[in-house]
């Protein structure tokens, strides 16, 4: 729903284009709110549908949407815990090196802050 319309809820995110290849882009997204289909809908509404998104634009079966990072405060240790993972879907293959560099930089920053980093699921 457009802003100001009855039932409209705020949906906000930040994004950074990390790399572009063959008409596609690897984008890091930080959600500021957590609405259903938020990333897919906001990108498609600007003419940038996600690869493989049958619902909001580009069609296909394998939606190119992946969370490479999950972090939270450990409930008893009160220490930040971070999980990292690389996608195995073919849509991400052209961006493997850029994704690895992004994860390595975030791991280094987390280690400097003394945060726990769990092994990757590659």
N, C-alpha and C. Protein backbone atom coordinates (compact mmCIF):
# COMPACT_ATOMS: atom_id res chain seq x y z
N UNK A 1 0.84 -1.18 0.00
CA UNK A 1 0.00 0.00 0.00
C UNK A 1 0.88 1.24 0.00
N UNK A 2 0.53 2.25 -0.78
CA UNK A 2 1.31 3.48 -0.80
C UNK A 2 1.31 4.16 0.57
N UNK A 3 2.38 4.92 0.90
CA UNK A 3 2.43 5.63 2.18
C UNK A 3 1.19 6.50 2.36
N UNK A 4 0.68 6.50 3.57
CA UNK A 4 -0.49 7.31 3.87
C UNK A 4 -1.81 6.61 3.62
N UNK A 5 -1.77 5.52 2.86
CA UNK A 5 -2.99 4.76 2.58
C UNK A 5 -3.32 3.88 3.79
N UNK A 6 -4.59 3.69 4.03
CA UNK A 6 -5.03 2.87 5.15
C UNK A 6 -4.40 1.47 5.05
N UNK A 7 -3.84 0.99 6.14
CA UNK A 7 -3.21 -0.32 6.17
C UNK A 7 -1.74 -0.32 5.76
N UNK A 8 -1.24 0.82 5.31
CA UNK A 8 0.16 0.90 4.90
C UNK A 8 1.07 0.79 6.12
N UNK A 9 2.16 0.04 5.98
CA UNK A 9 3.14 -0.10 7.04
C UNK A 9 4.50 0.29 6.49
N UNK A 10 5.32 0.89 7.33
CA UNK A 10 6.64 1.30 6.91
C UNK A 10 7.50 0.07 6.58
N UNK A 11 8.23 0.15 5.48
CA UNK A 11 9.16 -0.90 5.07
C UNK A 11 10.43 -0.19 4.60
N UNK A 12 11.53 -0.40 5.32
CA UNK A 12 12.77 0.31 4.99
C UNK A 12 13.94 -0.67 4.97
N UNK A 13 14.88 -0.39 4.06
CA UNK A 13 16.11 -1.17 3.96
C UNK A 13 17.21 -0.28 3.42
N UNK A 14 18.44 -0.74 3.61
CA UNK A 14 19.61 -0.10 3.01
C UNK A 14 20.26 -1.14 2.11
N UNK A 15 20.87 -0.70 1.01
CA UNK A 15 21.54 -1.66 0.14
C UNK A 15 22.81 -1.06 -0.44
N UNK A 16 23.71 -1.98 -0.82
CA UNK A 16 24.97 -1.59 -1.44
C UNK A 16 25.25 -2.57 -2.57
N UNK A 17 25.53 -2.07 -3.75
CA UNK A 17 25.90 -2.93 -4.88
C UNK A 17 27.37 -3.29 -4.71
N UNK A 18 27.65 -4.59 -4.57
CA UNK A 18 29.01 -5.05 -4.36
C UNK A 18 29.74 -5.34 -5.67
N UNK A 19 28.98 -5.84 -6.67
CA UNK A 19 29.59 -6.18 -7.96
C UNK A 19 28.49 -6.31 -9.02
N UNK A 20 28.84 -5.99 -10.26
CA UNK A 20 27.91 -6.16 -11.38
C UNK A 20 28.58 -7.00 -12.46
N UNK A 21 27.80 -7.96 -13.03
CA UNK A 21 28.31 -8.83 -14.10
C UNK A 21 27.14 -9.25 -14.98
N UNK A 22 27.31 -9.15 -16.27
CA UNK A 22 26.34 -9.66 -17.24
C UNK A 22 24.90 -9.25 -16.94
N UNK A 23 24.70 -8.01 -16.62
CA UNK A 23 23.34 -7.50 -16.39
C UNK A 23 22.76 -7.87 -15.04
N UNK A 24 23.55 -8.46 -14.17
CA UNK A 24 23.09 -8.79 -12.82
C UNK A 24 23.99 -8.11 -11.81
N UNK A 25 23.49 -8.00 -10.57
CA UNK A 25 24.28 -7.35 -9.53
C UNK A 25 24.22 -8.17 -8.25
N UNK A 26 25.35 -8.19 -7.55
CA UNK A 26 25.41 -8.76 -6.21
C UNK A 26 25.18 -7.59 -5.26
N UNK A 27 24.15 -7.69 -4.44
CA UNK A 27 23.74 -6.58 -3.58
C UNK A 27 23.70 -7.04 -2.13
N UNK A 28 24.30 -6.25 -1.24
CA UNK A 28 24.18 -6.50 0.20
C UNK A 28 23.02 -5.65 0.70
N UNK A 29 22.08 -6.29 1.40
CA UNK A 29 20.90 -5.60 1.91
C UNK A 29 20.88 -5.66 3.42
N UNK A 30 20.56 -4.56 4.05
CA UNK A 30 20.37 -4.52 5.50
C UNK A 30 18.93 -4.10 5.74
N UNK A 31 18.16 -5.01 6.32
CA UNK A 31 16.75 -4.71 6.61
C UNK A 31 16.65 -3.80 7.83
N UNK A 32 15.89 -2.75 7.72
CA UNK A 32 15.62 -1.86 8.84
C UNK A 32 14.25 -2.17 9.45
N UNK A 33 13.40 -2.81 8.67
CA UNK A 33 12.12 -3.33 9.13
C UNK A 33 12.03 -4.75 8.61
N UNK A 34 11.06 -5.49 9.03
CA UNK A 34 10.97 -6.88 8.61
C UNK A 34 9.61 -7.25 8.06
N UNK A 35 9.27 -6.72 6.94
CA UNK A 35 7.98 -7.00 6.31
C UNK A 35 8.08 -8.22 5.38
N UNK A 36 6.98 -8.98 5.25
CA UNK A 36 7.00 -10.11 4.32
C UNK A 36 7.33 -9.67 2.89
N UNK A 37 8.19 -10.41 2.24
CA UNK A 37 8.59 -10.18 0.85
C UNK A 37 9.22 -8.79 0.65
N UNK A 38 9.70 -8.17 1.71
CA UNK A 38 10.16 -6.78 1.64
C UNK A 38 11.25 -6.57 0.60
N UNK A 39 12.30 -7.38 0.62
CA UNK A 39 13.40 -7.18 -0.33
C UNK A 39 12.90 -7.37 -1.76
N UNK A 40 12.19 -8.45 -1.98
CA UNK A 40 11.69 -8.77 -3.32
C UNK A 40 10.78 -7.67 -3.85
N UNK A 41 9.85 -7.22 -3.03
CA UNK A 41 8.88 -6.21 -3.45
C UNK A 41 9.54 -4.85 -3.68
N UNK A 42 10.41 -4.43 -2.77
CA UNK A 42 11.03 -3.11 -2.92
C UNK A 42 11.95 -3.06 -4.15
N UNK A 43 12.69 -4.11 -4.40
CA UNK A 43 13.55 -4.10 -5.59
C UNK A 43 12.72 -4.17 -6.87
N UNK A 44 11.72 -5.05 -6.91
CA UNK A 44 10.88 -5.17 -8.11
C UNK A 44 10.13 -3.88 -8.41
N UNK A 45 9.68 -3.18 -7.37
CA UNK A 45 8.92 -1.94 -7.59
C UNK A 45 9.78 -0.84 -8.20
N UNK A 46 11.09 -0.98 -8.14
CA UNK A 46 12.01 0.00 -8.73
C UNK A 46 12.56 -0.49 -10.07
N UNK A 47 12.03 -1.62 -10.54
CA UNK A 47 12.47 -2.16 -11.83
C UNK A 47 13.69 -3.04 -11.73
N UNK A 48 14.01 -3.54 -10.52
CA UNK A 48 15.17 -4.41 -10.32
C UNK A 48 14.73 -5.73 -9.71
N UNK A 49 13.94 -6.54 -10.42
CA UNK A 49 13.48 -7.80 -9.82
C UNK A 49 14.65 -8.75 -9.55
N UNK A 50 14.52 -9.55 -8.52
CA UNK A 50 15.54 -10.54 -8.20
C UNK A 50 15.51 -11.66 -9.24
N UNK A 51 16.68 -12.16 -9.59
CA UNK A 51 16.76 -13.27 -10.53
C UNK A 51 15.97 -14.45 -9.97
N UNK A 52 15.17 -15.06 -10.84
CA UNK A 52 14.40 -16.23 -10.45
C UNK A 52 13.15 -15.95 -9.67
N UNK A 53 12.74 -14.70 -9.55
CA UNK A 53 11.55 -14.36 -8.75
C UNK A 53 10.28 -14.43 -9.60
N UNK A 54 9.59 -15.55 -9.52
CA UNK A 54 8.38 -15.75 -10.31
C UNK A 54 7.24 -14.85 -9.83
N UNK A 55 7.22 -14.52 -8.55
CA UNK A 55 6.11 -13.72 -8.01
C UNK A 55 6.20 -12.24 -8.37
N UNK A 56 7.39 -11.66 -8.31
CA UNK A 56 7.53 -10.22 -8.50
C UNK A 56 8.29 -9.80 -9.75
N UNK A 57 8.50 -10.71 -10.71
CA UNK A 57 9.09 -10.15 -11.89
C UNK A 57 9.85 -10.98 -12.87
N UNK A 58 11.00 -11.53 -12.52
CA UNK A 58 11.86 -12.07 -13.56
C UNK A 58 11.60 -13.54 -13.88
N UNK A 59 10.71 -14.18 -13.19
CA UNK A 59 10.37 -15.57 -13.49
C UNK A 59 11.47 -16.54 -13.09
N UNK A 60 11.20 -17.80 -13.25
CA UNK A 60 12.18 -18.81 -12.92
C UNK A 60 11.78 -19.61 -11.71
N UNK A 61 12.68 -20.50 -11.31
CA UNK A 61 12.39 -21.38 -10.18
C UNK A 61 13.31 -21.15 -8.99
N UNK A 62 14.52 -20.73 -9.22
CA UNK A 62 15.49 -20.57 -8.13
C UNK A 62 15.65 -19.10 -7.80
N UNK A 63 15.01 -18.66 -6.75
CA UNK A 63 15.08 -17.26 -6.31
C UNK A 63 16.50 -16.96 -5.82
N UNK A 64 17.13 -15.96 -6.39
CA UNK A 64 18.50 -15.58 -6.02
C UNK A 64 18.46 -14.62 -4.84
N UNK A 65 18.09 -15.16 -3.70
CA UNK A 65 18.03 -14.40 -2.45
C UNK A 65 18.65 -15.29 -1.38
N UNK A 66 19.67 -14.78 -0.69
CA UNK A 66 20.42 -15.62 0.24
C UNK A 66 20.93 -14.78 1.39
N UNK A 67 20.80 -15.28 2.59
CA UNK A 67 21.35 -14.62 3.77
C UNK A 67 22.69 -15.25 4.09
N UNK A 68 23.77 -14.53 3.87
CA UNK A 68 25.11 -15.08 4.12
C UNK A 68 25.56 -14.86 5.55
N UNK A 69 24.77 -14.11 6.33
CA UNK A 69 25.18 -13.74 7.68
C UNK A 69 23.99 -13.73 8.62
N UNK A 70 24.19 -14.27 9.82
CA UNK A 70 23.20 -14.20 10.88
C UNK A 70 23.95 -13.90 12.16
N UNK A 71 23.52 -12.91 12.88
CA UNK A 71 24.18 -12.56 14.13
C UNK A 71 23.17 -12.23 15.21
N UNK A 72 23.52 -12.58 16.45
CA UNK A 72 22.64 -12.27 17.57
C UNK A 72 23.44 -12.36 18.87
N UNK A 73 22.87 -11.80 19.94
CA UNK A 73 23.51 -11.87 21.25
C UNK A 73 23.19 -13.24 21.86
N UNK A 74 24.22 -13.96 22.30
CA UNK A 74 24.01 -15.25 22.94
C UNK A 74 23.18 -15.02 24.21
N UNK A 75 22.15 -15.84 24.43
CA UNK A 75 21.22 -15.56 25.53
C UNK A 75 21.82 -15.67 26.93
N UNK A 76 22.85 -16.48 27.13
CA UNK A 76 23.42 -16.58 28.47
C UNK A 76 24.81 -15.97 28.58
N UNK A 77 25.59 -16.04 27.52
CA UNK A 77 26.96 -15.49 27.55
C UNK A 77 27.00 -14.00 27.28
N UNK A 78 25.92 -13.47 26.71
CA UNK A 78 25.83 -12.04 26.37
C UNK A 78 26.93 -11.61 25.42
N UNK A 79 27.37 -12.55 24.60
CA UNK A 79 28.39 -12.26 23.59
C UNK A 79 27.73 -12.34 22.22
N UNK A 80 28.14 -11.48 21.31
CA UNK A 80 27.61 -11.52 19.94
C UNK A 80 28.13 -12.78 19.26
N UNK A 81 27.22 -13.52 18.62
CA UNK A 81 27.56 -14.73 17.89
C UNK A 81 27.24 -14.48 16.43
N UNK A 82 28.15 -14.86 15.54
CA UNK A 82 27.95 -14.64 14.11
C UNK A 82 28.14 -15.94 13.33
N UNK A 83 27.23 -16.17 12.38
CA UNK A 83 27.29 -17.31 11.48
C UNK A 83 27.45 -16.76 10.06
N UNK A 84 28.32 -17.37 9.26
CA UNK A 84 28.51 -16.98 7.87
C UNK A 84 28.37 -18.21 6.99
N UNK A 85 27.88 -18.03 5.78
CA UNK A 85 27.70 -19.14 4.85
C UNK A 85 27.69 -18.61 3.43
N UNK A 86 28.28 -19.37 2.51
CA UNK A 86 28.24 -19.04 1.09
C UNK A 86 27.14 -19.84 0.40
N UNK A 87 26.41 -19.23 -0.53
CA UNK A 87 25.36 -19.97 -1.24
C UNK A 87 25.95 -20.96 -2.24
N UNK A 88 25.22 -22.02 -2.49
CA UNK A 88 25.67 -23.00 -3.48
C UNK A 88 24.86 -22.91 -4.78
N UNK A 89 23.80 -22.09 -4.79
CA UNK A 89 22.95 -21.97 -5.99
C UNK A 89 23.75 -21.43 -7.18
N UNK A 90 23.51 -21.96 -8.37
CA UNK A 90 24.24 -21.53 -9.57
C UNK A 90 24.14 -20.03 -9.85
N UNK A 91 23.05 -19.39 -9.47
CA UNK A 91 22.88 -17.96 -9.73
C UNK A 91 23.97 -17.11 -9.08
N UNK A 92 24.58 -17.63 -8.01
CA UNK A 92 25.60 -16.86 -7.29
C UNK A 92 27.02 -17.15 -7.75
N UNK A 93 27.20 -18.15 -8.60
CA UNK A 93 28.54 -18.55 -9.04
C UNK A 93 29.39 -17.40 -9.59
N UNK A 94 28.84 -16.49 -10.42
CA UNK A 94 29.68 -15.41 -10.96
C UNK A 94 30.20 -14.45 -9.88
N UNK A 95 29.61 -14.52 -8.68
CA UNK A 95 29.96 -13.56 -7.63
C UNK A 95 30.71 -14.21 -6.47
N UNK A 96 31.22 -15.42 -6.68
CA UNK A 96 31.88 -16.16 -5.60
C UNK A 96 33.01 -15.41 -4.94
N UNK A 97 33.90 -14.82 -5.72
CA UNK A 97 35.05 -14.12 -5.15
C UNK A 97 34.61 -12.90 -4.35
N UNK A 98 33.66 -12.13 -4.87
CA UNK A 98 33.17 -10.94 -4.16
C UNK A 98 32.49 -11.33 -2.85
N UNK A 99 31.76 -12.44 -2.88
CA UNK A 99 31.10 -12.89 -1.65
C UNK A 99 32.12 -13.35 -0.63
N UNK A 100 33.14 -14.07 -1.07
CA UNK A 100 34.19 -14.52 -0.16
C UNK A 100 34.90 -13.33 0.47
N UNK A 101 35.21 -12.31 -0.31
CA UNK A 101 35.87 -11.11 0.22
C UNK A 101 34.99 -10.40 1.25
N UNK A 102 33.70 -10.33 0.99
CA UNK A 102 32.77 -9.69 1.92
C UNK A 102 32.74 -10.44 3.24
N UNK A 103 32.63 -11.76 3.18
CA UNK A 103 32.60 -12.56 4.41
C UNK A 103 33.92 -12.45 5.16
N UNK A 104 35.04 -12.53 4.47
CA UNK A 104 36.34 -12.43 5.14
C UNK A 104 36.50 -11.08 5.86
N UNK A 105 36.05 -9.99 5.22
CA UNK A 105 36.14 -8.67 5.85
C UNK A 105 35.25 -8.59 7.09
N UNK A 106 34.07 -9.17 7.02
CA UNK A 106 33.18 -9.12 8.18
C UNK A 106 33.69 -9.99 9.31
N UNK A 107 34.29 -11.13 8.98
CA UNK A 107 34.87 -11.99 10.01
C UNK A 107 36.02 -11.28 10.72
N UNK A 108 36.85 -10.60 9.95
CA UNK A 108 37.98 -9.87 10.54
C UNK A 108 37.48 -8.79 11.49
N UNK A 109 36.48 -8.04 11.06
CA UNK A 109 35.92 -6.98 11.92
C UNK A 109 35.31 -7.57 13.19
N UNK A 110 34.61 -8.68 13.06
CA UNK A 110 34.00 -9.32 14.22
C UNK A 110 35.06 -9.82 15.20
N UNK A 111 36.12 -10.41 14.67
CA UNK A 111 37.20 -10.92 15.52
C UNK A 111 37.88 -9.78 16.28
N UNK A 112 38.05 -8.65 15.63
CA UNK A 112 38.65 -7.49 16.28
C UNK A 112 37.79 -6.98 17.43
N UNK A 113 36.49 -7.22 17.35
CA UNK A 113 35.56 -6.82 18.42
C UNK A 113 35.40 -7.91 19.48
N UNK A 114 36.07 -9.05 19.28
CA UNK A 114 35.99 -10.15 20.24
C UNK A 114 34.70 -10.96 20.14
N UNK A 115 34.05 -10.90 19.01
CA UNK A 115 32.80 -11.64 18.84
C UNK A 115 33.08 -13.07 18.41
N UNK A 116 32.22 -13.99 18.84
CA UNK A 116 32.37 -15.39 18.49
C UNK A 116 31.96 -15.60 17.04
N UNK A 117 32.77 -16.34 16.29
CA UNK A 117 32.47 -16.63 14.88
C UNK A 117 32.39 -18.15 14.76
N UNK A 118 31.25 -18.64 14.33
CA UNK A 118 31.08 -20.07 14.18
C UNK A 118 31.54 -20.52 12.80
N UNK A 119 31.95 -21.80 12.67
CA UNK A 119 32.43 -22.29 11.38
C UNK A 119 31.39 -22.13 10.27
N UNK A 120 31.87 -21.90 9.07
CA UNK A 120 30.99 -21.73 7.91
C UNK A 120 30.43 -23.08 7.48
N UNK A 121 29.25 -23.00 6.89
CA UNK A 121 28.63 -24.16 6.27
C UNK A 121 28.79 -23.97 4.77
N UNK A 122 29.87 -24.49 4.21
CA UNK A 122 30.14 -24.30 2.78
C UNK A 122 29.72 -25.48 1.97
